[in-house]
Amino acid sequence: MQNKSFYIDQFAVVDDNVEIGEGTKIWHFCHVQSGAKLGKKCVLGQNVNVGNNVSIGNFVKIQNNVSVYEGVTLEDYVFCGPSMVFTNIIDPRSKYPQVGKEFYIKTLVKEGASLGANCTIVCGHTIGRFAFVGAGAVVTRDVPDYALVVGNPAKIIGWMSEGGERLKFDDENIAVCSRTSKKYKFENNLVFEIE
């Protein structure tokens, strides 16, 4: 499936019935399975597997050795670090296989979230907008927008701006990102952007 509007390495496998956006690059040893939808200007590094019917937004970067299993949705600008892990079944057993959409528990990674190298996202959770999951973290619950989480199980240790800068709040619980000049407020244990 070669097309001048996107790139597929000669050693990648792309099944039939796949949508690929303009400018997307799929590098060697990748496998994109039937029904998958990839937005524009995505990059799939070496040895990435995209499962059946997975939806990936625009400008998503998936580093080497990541499998995005059926039931996972990645919105625009998501970053998946090298060898990070998604799951899609809570209680897998080889002897009693659970095959088919009805068994997959959905995971949503919202716009701009970054998932660090070797982290694990246990299925059934939502990673909020512009959240940052540290390397090696194990996410076992929802992560709010802008949260910085680390550890096993992952816990909030701070907050990140849309631009990827750790936020420092003043006495009025306001923070400004020096990279983007956007302002944020910390209120009721959540962070949101303000004008």
Protein backbone atom coordinates (compact mmCIF):
# COMPACT_ATOMS: atom_id res chain seq x y z
CA MET A 1 0.00 0.00 0.00
CA GLN A 2 2.43 2.67 -1.16
CA ASN A 3 1.13 6.18 -1.51
CA LYS A 4 3.07 9.39 -1.97
CA SER A 5 1.08 11.11 0.80
CA PHE A 6 2.47 8.81 3.52
CA TYR A 7 5.45 6.48 4.02
CA ILE A 8 5.45 2.75 4.78
CA ASP A 9 8.81 1.04 5.16
CA GLN A 10 9.32 -2.00 2.92
CA PHE A 11 9.64 -4.20 6.04
CA ALA A 12 6.37 -3.01 7.60
CA VAL A 13 3.08 -4.89 7.22
CA VAL A 14 -0.14 -2.96 6.73
CA ASP A 15 -3.30 -5.07 6.47
CA ASP A 16 -6.25 -4.29 4.21
CA ASN A 17 -8.94 -1.86 5.37
CA VAL A 18 -6.56 0.57 7.11
CA GLU A 19 -6.80 4.38 6.93
CA ILE A 20 -3.52 6.33 6.99
CA GLY A 21 -3.38 10.12 7.11
CA GLU A 22 -1.20 12.36 4.99
CA GLY A 23 2.42 12.65 6.09
CA THR A 24 2.30 9.64 8.43
CA LYS A 25 5.46 7.48 8.60
CA ILE A 26 5.41 3.76 9.44
CA TRP A 27 8.90 2.40 10.01
CA HIS A 28 10.37 -1.10 9.72
CA PHE A 29 8.92 -4.16 11.44
CA CYS A 30 5.63 -2.40 12.22
CA HIS A 31 2.29 -4.15 11.82
CA VAL A 32 -0.91 -2.13 11.37
CA GLN A 33 -3.95 -4.40 11.57
CA SER A 34 -7.26 -4.29 9.77
CA GLY A 35 -9.71 -1.55 10.68
CA ALA A 36 -7.05 0.71 12.23
CA LYS A 37 -7.24 4.45 11.58
CA LEU A 38 -4.10 6.61 11.76
CA GLY A 39 -4.34 10.37 11.50
CA LYS A 40 -2.03 12.72 9.65
CA LYS A 41 1.67 13.26 10.41
CA CYS A 42 1.94 10.36 12.87
CA VAL A 43 5.24 8.52 13.37
CA LEU A 44 5.35 4.82 14.22
CA GLY A 45 8.87 3.80 15.24
CA GLN A 46 10.48 0.40 14.76
CA ASN A 47 8.47 -2.68 15.82
CA VAL A 48 5.16 -0.95 16.60
CA ASN A 49 1.96 -3.00 16.49
CA VAL A 50 -1.39 -1.25 15.99
CA GLY A 51 -4.27 -3.62 16.74
CA ASN A 52 -7.51 -4.15 14.86
CA ASN A 53 -9.91 -1.17 14.88
CA VAL A 54 -7.57 1.09 16.89
CA SER A 55 -8.09 4.83 16.40
CA ILE A 56 -5.03 7.09 16.46
CA GLY A 57 -5.35 10.86 16.07
CA ASN A 58 -3.15 13.37 14.26
CA PHE A 59 0.51 14.13 15.11
CA VAL A 60 0.85 11.07 17.37
CA LYS A 61 4.36 9.72 18.03
CA ILE A 62 4.72 6.07 18.99
CA GLN A 63 8.29 5.11 19.80
CA ASN A 64 9.93 1.69 19.27
CA ASN A 65 8.48 -1.56 20.63
CA VAL A 66 4.96 -0.37 21.53
CA SER A 67 1.76 -2.37 20.94
CA VAL A 68 -1.46 -0.36 20.80
CA TYR A 69 -4.07 -3.07 21.34
CA GLU A 70 -7.71 -3.10 20.26
CA GLY A 71 -9.76 -1.06 22.72
CA VAL A 72 -7.13 1.71 23.01
CA THR A 73 -7.79 5.17 21.53
CA LEU A 74 -5.08 7.82 21.18
CA GLU A 75 -6.20 11.40 20.56
CA ASP A 76 -4.13 14.08 18.76
CA TYR A 77 -0.52 14.80 19.82
CA VAL A 78 -0.16 11.79 22.13
CA PHE A 79 3.43 10.65 22.76
CA CYS A 80 4.09 6.98 23.58
CA GLY A 81 7.63 6.44 24.87
CA PRO A 82 9.82 3.46 23.96
CA SER A 83 8.59 0.06 25.14
CA MET A 84 5.62 1.43 27.09
CA VAL A 85 2.74 -1.03 27.50
CA PHE A 86 -1.01 -0.95 27.01
CA THR A 87 -3.27 -3.78 28.15
CA ASN A 88 -6.83 -4.52 27.03
CA ILE A 89 -8.00 -7.37 29.30
CA ILE A 90 -7.99 -7.27 33.12
CA ASP A 91 -7.83 -11.01 33.82
CA PRO A 92 -6.14 -12.80 30.90
CA ARG A 93 -5.80 -16.60 30.90
CA SER A 94 -4.19 -18.70 28.17
CA LYS A 95 -6.35 -21.70 29.02
CA TYR A 96 -9.55 -19.62 28.80
CA PRO A 97 -8.87 -17.11 26.02
CA GLN A 98 -10.97 -13.99 25.83
CA VAL A 99 -11.04 -13.10 22.18
CA GLY A 100 -13.27 -10.48 20.61
CA LYS A 101 -14.35 -6.90 21.12
CA GLU A 102 -16.78 -7.77 23.92
CA PHE A 103 -13.84 -8.72 26.18
CA TYR A 104 -11.68 -5.64 25.57
CA ILE A 105 -11.78 -2.94 28.20
CA LYS A 106 -11.39 0.51 26.69
CA THR A 107 -8.53 2.91 27.40
CA LEU A 108 -8.56 6.55 26.27
CA VAL A 109 -5.44 8.70 26.05
CA LYS A 110 -6.52 12.30 25.58
CA GLU A 111 -4.95 15.08 23.55
CA GLY A 112 -1.30 15.89 24.19
CA ALA A 113 -0.67 13.30 26.91
CA SER A 114 2.88 11.88 27.21
CA LEU A 115 3.47 8.29 28.29
CA GLY A 116 7.06 7.73 29.43
CA ALA A 117 9.37 4.89 28.46
CA ASN A 118 8.48 1.50 29.94
CA CYS A 119 5.32 2.74 31.69
CA THR A 120 2.27 0.45 31.83
CA ILE A 121 -1.31 1.61 31.33
CA VAL A 122 -3.71 -0.92 32.86
CA CYS A 123 -6.83 -0.99 30.69
CA GLY A 124 -10.09 0.72 31.58
CA HIS A 125 -8.63 4.11 32.41
CA THR A 126 -8.47 7.58 30.90
CA ILE A 127 -5.25 9.57 30.70
CA GLY A 128 -6.21 13.25 30.75
CA ARG A 129 -5.26 16.04 28.39
CA PHE A 130 -1.56 16.98 28.56
CA ALA A 131 -0.98 14.57 31.45
CA PHE A 132 2.54 13.20 31.87
CA VAL A 133 3.14 9.60 32.92
CA GLY A 134 6.72 9.13 34.13
CA ALA A 135 9.05 6.41 32.88
CA GLY A 136 8.29 3.03 34.43
CA ALA A 137 5.05 4.15 36.11
CA VAL A 138 2.13 1.72 36.41
CA VAL A 139 -1.20 3.47 35.88
CA THR A 140 -4.04 1.74 37.74
CA ARG A 141 -6.60 4.57 37.81
CA ASP A 142 -7.66 7.60 35.76
CA VAL A 143 -5.08 10.39 35.43
CA PRO A 144 -6.50 13.95 35.45
CA ASP A 145 -5.66 16.62 32.88
CA TYR A 146 -2.15 18.10 33.33
CA ALA A 147 -1.20 15.62 36.10
CA LEU A 148 2.37 14.36 36.48
CA VAL A 149 2.27 10.78 37.79
CA VAL A 150 5.11 8.42 38.74
CA GLY A 151 5.59 5.15 40.60
CA ASN A 152 3.82 1.82 41.07
CA PRO A 153 0.96 2.39 41.45
CA ALA A 154 1.24 5.79 39.74
CA LYS A 155 0.56 8.77 42.00
CA ILE A 156 0.30 12.48 41.27
CA ILE A 157 3.49 14.31 42.27
CA GLY A 158 2.92 17.54 40.35
CA TRP A 159 1.34 19.19 37.34
CA MET A 160 2.54 19.88 33.79
CA SER A 161 1.68 22.61 31.29
CA GLU A 162 0.51 21.94 27.76
CA GLY A 163 4.05 22.80 26.68
CA GLY A 164 5.55 20.10 28.91
CA GLU A 165 6.89 22.33 31.67
CA ARG A 166 6.39 21.45 35.34
CA LEU A 167 4.06 24.03 36.87
CA LYS A 168 4.95 26.04 39.99
CA PHE A 169 1.89 27.62 41.60
CA ASP A 170 1.99 30.93 43.49
CA ASP A 171 0.08 31.83 46.67
CA GLU A 172 -3.10 32.27 44.62
CA ASN A 173 -2.68 28.82 43.02
CA ILE A 174 -1.81 30.34 39.64
CA ALA A 175 1.08 29.14 37.44
CA VAL A 176 2.42 30.43 34.13
CA CYS A 177 4.25 28.26 31.62
CA SER A 178 7.38 30.10 30.50
CA ARG A 179 7.43 28.09 27.26
CA THR A 180 3.91 29.00 26.09
CA SER A 181 2.85 31.89 28.42
CA LYS A 182 -0.37 29.98 29.17
CA LYS A 183 -1.84 30.38 32.68
CA TYR A 184 -3.14 27.60 34.89
CA LYS A 185 -5.11 27.42 38.13
CA PHE A 186 -4.99 24.68 40.78
CA GLU A 187 -8.39 24.28 42.40
CA ASN A 188 -10.22 21.33 44.04
CA ASN A 189 -7.20 19.08 43.39
CA LEU A 190 -7.39 19.70 39.62
CA VAL A 191 -5.61 22.00 37.19
CA PHE A 192 -7.20 23.89 34.34
CA GLU A 193 -6.11 26.57 31.90
CA ILE A 194 -7.31 30.13 32.49
CA GLU A 195 -7.25 33.27 30.35
